[in-house]
Amino acid sequence: MTTPTGAPDEPLADPTTDAGTTTSRVARTEAMIGGATWWAIHLGATYWLAPRGCTWGTVAPVHVLSVVLLTLMARTTVVSLRLVRANADAAPGTARARDRFVGAVGLGMTPFWAAVVLFQWYPVLLLDPCA
């Protein structure tokens, strides 16, 4: 087939291979689902730590957990930004274009999940969960 301009179509990149890209699968995976994963870990661990904090007499572990996971989300945002920048000149339908898309999704979603973590942490900062 040809495009309307008469140039031959390039086949779409095979999503099961890494041909044409220098991005690791780990970076792509982190960019795509890293933010949601860190949020899910925060949610589960906070529900586990909060009642134990009352027994221990401190909720500091919840604060440490929140800071660590927000730092990991910042790292995920940087990985996503690198994917977008490294593949900014990618032709549509190529493996590099897929990497750019994955990075853009990470740039859009990771700040959202970071905000959710902040909103979950906010009550622990202001209110005593043991009261």
Protein backbone atom coordinates (compact mmCIF):
# COMPACT_ATOMS: atom_id res chain seq x y z
CA MET A 1 0.00 0.00 0.00
CA THR A 2 0.98 3.58 -0.37
CA THR A 3 0.13 6.76 1.46
CA PRO A 4 -1.82 9.57 -0.24
CA THR A 5 1.52 11.14 -1.17
CA GLY A 6 2.57 7.98 -3.00
CA ALA A 7 5.26 6.95 -0.50
CA PRO A 8 5.19 3.31 0.61
CA ASP A 9 3.76 2.65 4.07
CA GLU A 10 6.17 1.50 6.73
CA PRO A 11 4.79 -1.44 8.69
CA LEU A 12 3.86 -0.76 12.28
CA ALA A 13 6.42 -1.81 14.85
CA ASP A 14 5.96 -5.26 16.26
CA PRO A 15 5.04 -4.66 19.93
CA THR A 16 6.64 -7.95 20.97
CA THR A 17 10.13 -6.88 19.91
CA ASP A 18 12.51 -4.08 20.83
CA ALA A 19 13.75 -3.60 17.26
CA GLY A 20 14.46 0.03 16.50
CA THR A 21 14.55 1.23 20.10
CA THR A 22 17.26 1.62 22.69
CA THR A 23 14.82 1.94 25.59
CA SER A 24 14.73 -0.88 28.10
CA ARG A 25 11.53 -2.72 28.86
CA VAL A 26 11.99 -1.82 32.52
CA ALA A 27 11.94 1.90 31.70
CA ARG A 28 8.84 1.52 29.55
CA THR A 29 7.08 -0.52 32.23
CA GLU A 30 7.99 1.94 34.96
CA ALA A 31 6.79 4.88 32.89
CA MET A 32 3.47 3.20 32.10
CA ILE A 33 2.48 1.69 35.46
CA GLY A 34 5.01 3.03 37.95
CA GLY A 35 2.83 5.78 39.42
CA ALA A 36 -0.17 3.52 39.92
CA THR A 37 2.02 0.81 41.43
CA TRP A 38 3.61 3.22 43.93
CA TRP A 39 0.15 4.51 44.86
CA ALA A 40 -1.20 0.98 45.41
CA ILE A 41 1.78 0.15 47.63
CA HIS A 42 1.18 3.38 49.56
CA LEU A 43 -2.50 2.62 50.03
CA GLY A 44 -1.94 -0.92 51.30
CA ALA A 45 1.04 -0.09 53.48
CA THR A 46 -0.68 2.94 55.03
CA TYR A 47 -3.68 0.86 56.00
CA TRP A 48 -1.31 -1.66 57.54
CA LEU A 49 0.92 0.91 59.31
CA ALA A 50 -1.69 3.33 60.69
CA PRO A 51 -3.18 1.06 63.39
CA ARG A 52 0.27 -0.24 64.30
CA GLY A 53 1.48 3.32 64.67
CA CYS A 54 -1.04 3.78 67.47
CA THR A 55 0.38 0.71 69.20
CA TRP A 56 3.95 1.94 68.69
CA GLY A 57 3.08 5.47 69.78
CA THR A 58 4.17 7.14 66.54
CA VAL A 59 2.97 7.41 62.97
CA ALA A 60 6.44 8.34 61.69
CA PRO A 61 6.61 5.16 59.54
CA VAL A 62 3.62 6.46 57.55
CA HIS A 63 5.45 9.73 56.94
CA VAL A 64 8.65 7.94 55.90
CA LEU A 65 6.68 5.65 53.58
CA SER A 66 4.94 8.62 51.95
CA VAL A 67 8.19 10.50 51.37
CA VAL A 68 9.92 7.41 49.93
CA LEU A 69 7.05 6.64 47.55
CA LEU A 70 6.75 10.26 46.43
CA THR A 71 10.48 10.15 45.69
CA LEU A 72 9.96 7.00 43.62
CA MET A 73 7.16 8.77 41.75
CA ALA A 74 9.51 11.65 41.00
CA ARG A 75 11.96 9.09 39.58
CA THR A 76 9.17 7.61 37.46
CA THR A 77 8.38 11.09 36.13
CA VAL A 78 12.04 11.58 35.17
CA VAL A 79 12.09 8.20 33.38
CA SER A 80 8.94 9.22 31.49
CA LEU A 81 10.43 12.57 30.54
CA ARG A 82 13.56 10.85 29.24
CA LEU A 83 11.44 8.55 27.09
CA VAL A 84 9.63 11.50 25.56
CA ARG A 85 12.78 13.53 24.94
CA ALA A 86 14.83 10.62 23.58
CA ASN A 87 12.12 9.78 21.05
CA ALA A 88 10.88 13.27 20.17
CA ASP A 89 11.82 12.88 16.49
CA ALA A 90 10.36 9.39 16.05
CA ALA A 91 8.35 8.66 12.92
CA PRO A 92 4.75 7.57 13.52
CA GLY A 93 4.19 3.83 13.75
CA THR A 94 7.72 2.96 14.84
CA ALA A 95 9.01 1.41 18.04
CA ARG A 96 10.43 4.78 19.03
CA ALA A 97 7.02 6.38 18.58
CA ARG A 98 5.61 3.73 20.92
CA ASP A 99 8.26 4.66 23.49
CA ARG A 100 7.36 8.34 23.15
CA PHE A 101 3.69 7.49 23.73
CA VAL A 102 4.51 5.41 26.80
CA GLY A 103 6.58 8.28 28.16
CA ALA A 104 3.77 10.74 27.54
CA VAL A 105 1.33 8.49 29.39
CA GLY A 106 3.78 8.36 32.30
CA LEU A 107 4.12 12.14 32.28
CA GLY A 108 0.37 12.50 32.41
CA MET A 109 -0.47 9.83 34.95
CA THR A 110 2.39 9.85 37.46
CA PRO A 111 1.67 13.39 38.74
CA PHE A 112 -1.96 12.36 39.14
CA TRP A 113 -1.00 9.37 41.30
CA ALA A 114 1.45 11.54 43.26
CA ALA A 115 -1.42 13.92 44.03
CA VAL A 116 -3.52 10.97 45.23
CA VAL A 117 -0.69 9.94 47.58
CA LEU A 118 -0.47 13.51 48.88
CA PHE A 119 -4.23 13.58 49.48
CA GLN A 120 -4.00 10.27 51.35
CA TRP A 121 -1.09 11.54 53.44
CA TYR A 122 -2.72 14.89 54.24
CA PRO A 123 -5.10 13.61 56.99
CA VAL A 124 -2.25 11.78 58.74
CA LEU A 125 -0.26 15.04 58.77
CA LEU A 126 -3.13 17.09 60.24
CA LEU A 127 -5.11 14.65 62.36
CA ASP A 128 -4.08 12.13 64.96
CA PRO A 129 -5.12 8.74 63.53
CA CYS A 130 -5.06 7.30 67.05
CA ALA A 131 -7.63 9.72 68.51
